[in-house]
Amino acid sequence: MKEQLMQILTECCPDIDFETEVALIDDGILESLDIVMIVSEIKDVLDVEITVDDLVPENFNSVDQILALVEARKS
C-alpha cells in the first residue's frame, strides 16, 4: 500500500521529496489545498474514507504518518 500512497503523493505534489521529508505540515511544505487533493486521491484510489477529524497535522507530517492513517481507516 505504501507504493500506491507514494504514487498518489508524487502525482499530487511532484515538487516534494516525500521520501525524506518528515515535517510536511510543520515546515509549511504541504498546504491545505495539497492535503485536500491528497485526501481526495486516497479516497478514489485506495477507497479509504478520511474524516474531518483526521485532518490534523500529526496525520500528514510524513509519509509514514499518512500511511498509518490510511491503514487505520482501511480496517
N, C-alpha and C. Protein backbone atom coordinates (compact mmCIF):
# COMPACT_ATOMS: atom_id res chain seq x y z
N MET A 1 0.82 -1.19 0.00
CA MET A 1 0.00 0.00 0.00
C MET A 1 0.88 1.27 0.00
N LYS A 2 2.07 1.16 0.55
CA LYS A 2 2.96 2.33 0.59
C LYS A 2 3.32 2.78 -0.82
N GLU A 3 3.51 1.83 -1.73
CA GLU A 3 3.84 2.20 -3.11
C GLU A 3 2.70 2.98 -3.75
N GLN A 4 1.47 2.54 -3.52
CA GLN A 4 0.31 3.25 -4.06
C GLN A 4 0.22 4.66 -3.46
N LEU A 5 0.46 4.75 -2.16
CA LEU A 5 0.40 6.05 -1.50
C LEU A 5 1.49 6.98 -2.04
N MET A 6 2.69 6.47 -2.23
CA MET A 6 3.78 7.27 -2.78
C MET A 6 3.43 7.77 -4.18
N GLN A 7 2.78 6.94 -4.95
CA GLN A 7 2.37 7.34 -6.30
C GLN A 7 1.35 8.48 -6.23
N ILE A 8 0.38 8.35 -5.33
CA ILE A 8 -0.63 9.40 -5.15
C ILE A 8 0.05 10.71 -4.74
N LEU A 9 0.94 10.62 -3.76
CA LEU A 9 1.59 11.82 -3.24
C LEU A 9 2.44 12.50 -4.31
N THR A 10 3.20 11.73 -5.06
CA THR A 10 4.07 12.34 -6.07
C THR A 10 3.27 12.89 -7.24
N GLU A 11 2.11 12.30 -7.53
CA GLU A 11 1.26 12.84 -8.59
C GLU A 11 0.61 14.15 -8.14
N CYS A 12 0.19 14.21 -6.88
CA CYS A 12 -0.45 15.42 -6.36
C CYS A 12 0.55 16.55 -6.16
N CYS A 13 1.73 16.22 -5.71
CA CYS A 13 2.75 17.23 -5.36
C CYS A 13 4.11 16.78 -5.87
N PRO A 14 4.35 16.88 -7.17
CA PRO A 14 5.59 16.36 -7.75
C PRO A 14 6.86 17.06 -7.28
N ASP A 15 6.75 18.26 -6.74
CA ASP A 15 7.94 19.00 -6.32
C ASP A 15 8.43 18.65 -4.91
N ILE A 16 7.70 17.78 -4.22
CA ILE A 16 8.05 17.45 -2.83
C ILE A 16 8.73 16.09 -2.77
N ASP A 17 9.81 16.01 -2.02
CA ASP A 17 10.51 14.75 -1.82
C ASP A 17 9.92 14.04 -0.60
N PHE A 18 8.91 13.23 -0.84
CA PHE A 18 8.20 12.56 0.24
C PHE A 18 9.05 11.49 0.93
N GLU A 19 10.09 11.03 0.27
CA GLU A 19 10.96 10.01 0.86
C GLU A 19 11.74 10.54 2.06
N THR A 20 12.12 11.81 2.01
CA THR A 20 12.99 12.35 3.05
C THR A 20 12.31 13.33 4.00
N GLU A 21 11.24 13.95 3.59
CA GLU A 21 10.59 14.95 4.43
C GLU A 21 9.83 14.30 5.59
N VAL A 22 10.02 14.85 6.79
CA VAL A 22 9.32 14.31 7.97
C VAL A 22 8.56 15.40 8.72
N ALA A 23 8.50 16.58 8.14
CA ALA A 23 7.75 17.69 8.75
C ALA A 23 6.99 18.45 7.66
N LEU A 24 6.20 17.71 6.90
CA LEU A 24 5.49 18.29 5.75
C LEU A 24 4.57 19.43 6.16
N ILE A 25 3.90 19.28 7.29
CA ILE A 25 2.99 20.33 7.76
C ILE A 25 3.76 21.36 8.58
N ASP A 26 4.54 20.89 9.53
CA ASP A 26 5.27 21.79 10.43
C ASP A 26 6.18 22.76 9.68
N ASP A 27 6.77 22.31 8.59
CA ASP A 27 7.67 23.17 7.80
C ASP A 27 6.95 23.93 6.69
N GLY A 28 5.63 23.78 6.60
CA GLY A 28 4.86 24.50 5.60
C GLY A 28 5.05 24.00 4.18
N ILE A 29 5.49 22.75 4.05
CA ILE A 29 5.73 22.18 2.73
C ILE A 29 4.40 21.81 2.06
N LEU A 30 3.51 21.19 2.83
CA LEU A 30 2.17 20.88 2.34
C LEU A 30 1.22 21.98 2.78
N GLU A 31 0.42 22.47 1.85
CA GLU A 31 -0.58 23.47 2.16
C GLU A 31 -1.95 22.81 2.18
N SER A 32 -2.94 23.53 2.63
CA SER A 32 -4.28 22.96 2.79
C SER A 32 -4.83 22.41 1.47
N LEU A 33 -4.59 23.10 0.39
CA LEU A 33 -5.08 22.63 -0.92
C LEU A 33 -4.41 21.32 -1.31
N ASP A 34 -3.12 21.18 -0.99
CA ASP A 34 -2.41 19.93 -1.25
C ASP A 34 -3.06 18.79 -0.49
N ILE A 35 -3.39 19.04 0.76
CA ILE A 35 -4.00 17.99 1.59
C ILE A 35 -5.36 17.59 1.04
N VAL A 36 -6.13 18.56 0.60
CA VAL A 36 -7.44 18.27 0.01
C VAL A 36 -7.27 17.36 -1.22
N MET A 37 -6.30 17.68 -2.08
CA MET A 37 -6.05 16.85 -3.26
C MET A 37 -5.62 15.44 -2.86
N ILE A 38 -4.72 15.35 -1.90
CA ILE A 38 -4.21 14.05 -1.45
C ILE A 38 -5.33 13.22 -0.85
N VAL A 39 -6.14 13.81 0.02
CA VAL A 39 -7.25 13.08 0.65
C VAL A 39 -8.24 12.60 -0.41
N SER A 40 -8.52 13.43 -1.40
CA SER A 40 -9.44 13.06 -2.47
C SER A 40 -8.90 11.87 -3.27
N GLU A 41 -7.61 11.91 -3.60
CA GLU A 41 -7.00 10.81 -4.34
C GLU A 41 -6.95 9.52 -3.51
N ILE A 42 -6.66 9.64 -2.23
CA ILE A 42 -6.65 8.46 -1.35
C ILE A 42 -8.03 7.82 -1.35
N LYS A 43 -9.06 8.65 -1.28
CA LYS A 43 -10.43 8.13 -1.30
C LYS A 43 -10.73 7.42 -2.61
N ASP A 44 -10.36 8.05 -3.73
CA ASP A 44 -10.66 7.48 -5.04
C ASP A 44 -9.84 6.23 -5.34
N VAL A 45 -8.55 6.28 -5.07
CA VAL A 45 -7.65 5.20 -5.47
C VAL A 45 -7.65 4.05 -4.46
N LEU A 46 -7.58 4.39 -3.18
CA LEU A 46 -7.46 3.35 -2.15
C LEU A 46 -8.79 3.01 -1.48
N ASP A 47 -9.84 3.74 -1.83
CA ASP A 47 -11.17 3.52 -1.27
C ASP A 47 -11.14 3.61 0.26
N VAL A 48 -10.51 4.68 0.74
CA VAL A 48 -10.39 4.93 2.18
C VAL A 48 -11.05 6.27 2.49
N GLU A 49 -11.94 6.27 3.46
CA GLU A 49 -12.63 7.48 3.86
C GLU A 49 -11.86 8.16 4.98
N ILE A 50 -11.39 9.36 4.72
CA ILE A 50 -10.68 10.15 5.73
C ILE A 50 -11.63 11.26 6.17
N THR A 51 -11.88 11.34 7.47
CA THR A 51 -12.86 12.28 8.00
C THR A 51 -12.22 13.62 8.33
N VAL A 52 -13.05 14.58 8.61
CA VAL A 52 -12.59 15.91 9.01
C VAL A 52 -11.75 15.81 10.28
N ASP A 53 -12.14 14.93 11.19
CA ASP A 53 -11.38 14.75 12.44
C ASP A 53 -9.96 14.25 12.19
N ASP A 54 -9.74 13.59 11.04
CA ASP A 54 -8.41 13.08 10.70
C ASP A 54 -7.49 14.16 10.15
N LEU A 55 -8.04 15.30 9.79
CA LEU A 55 -7.26 16.36 9.14
C LEU A 55 -6.51 17.21 10.17
N VAL A 56 -5.58 16.55 10.84
CA VAL A 56 -4.73 17.23 11.82
C VAL A 56 -3.28 17.08 11.37
N PRO A 57 -2.43 18.01 11.74
CA PRO A 57 -1.04 17.97 11.29
C PRO A 57 -0.33 16.65 11.59
N GLU A 58 -0.61 16.06 12.74
CA GLU A 58 0.06 14.81 13.12
C GLU A 58 -0.15 13.70 12.10
N ASN A 59 -1.24 13.74 11.37
CA ASN A 59 -1.54 12.68 10.40
C ASN A 59 -0.91 12.92 9.03
N PHE A 60 -0.35 14.10 8.81
CA PHE A 60 0.14 14.43 7.47
C PHE A 60 1.56 14.97 7.44
N ASN A 61 2.31 14.82 8.53
CA ASN A 61 3.67 15.35 8.58
C ASN A 61 4.68 14.51 7.81
N SER A 62 4.38 13.22 7.60
CA SER A 62 5.31 12.36 6.86
C SER A 62 4.53 11.27 6.14
N VAL A 63 5.22 10.61 5.23
CA VAL A 63 4.59 9.50 4.51
C VAL A 63 4.16 8.41 5.48
N ASP A 64 5.01 8.12 6.47
CA ASP A 64 4.67 7.06 7.42
C ASP A 64 3.41 7.40 8.22
N GLN A 65 3.25 8.68 8.57
CA GLN A 65 2.05 9.08 9.30
C GLN A 65 0.81 9.01 8.42
N ILE A 66 0.94 9.40 7.18
CA ILE A 66 -0.19 9.30 6.24
C ILE A 66 -0.54 7.83 6.03
N LEU A 67 0.47 7.00 5.87
CA LEU A 67 0.25 5.56 5.69
C LEU A 67 -0.45 4.97 6.91
N ALA A 68 -0.01 5.34 8.10
CA ALA A 68 -0.64 4.83 9.32
C ALA A 68 -2.12 5.23 9.37
N LEU A 69 -2.43 6.43 8.97
CA LEU A 69 -3.81 6.90 8.92
C LEU A 69 -4.62 6.08 7.92
N VAL A 70 -4.07 5.88 6.73
CA VAL A 70 -4.76 5.12 5.69
C VAL A 70 -5.01 3.69 6.17
N GLU A 71 -4.00 3.08 6.76
CA GLU A 71 -4.15 1.69 7.23
C GLU A 71 -5.16 1.61 8.36
N ALA A 72 -5.21 2.59 9.24
CA ALA A 72 -6.18 2.60 10.34
C ALA A 72 -7.61 2.74 9.80
N ARG A 73 -7.78 3.55 8.77
CA ARG A 73 -9.12 3.75 8.19
C ARG A 73 -9.54 2.61 7.27
N LYS A 74 -8.57 1.89 6.76
CA LYS A 74 -8.86 0.79 5.83
C LYS A 74 -9.48 -0.40 6.57
N SER A 75 -9.05 -0.60 7.80
CA SER A 75 -9.51 -1.80 8.53
C SER A 75 -10.84 -1.57 9.22
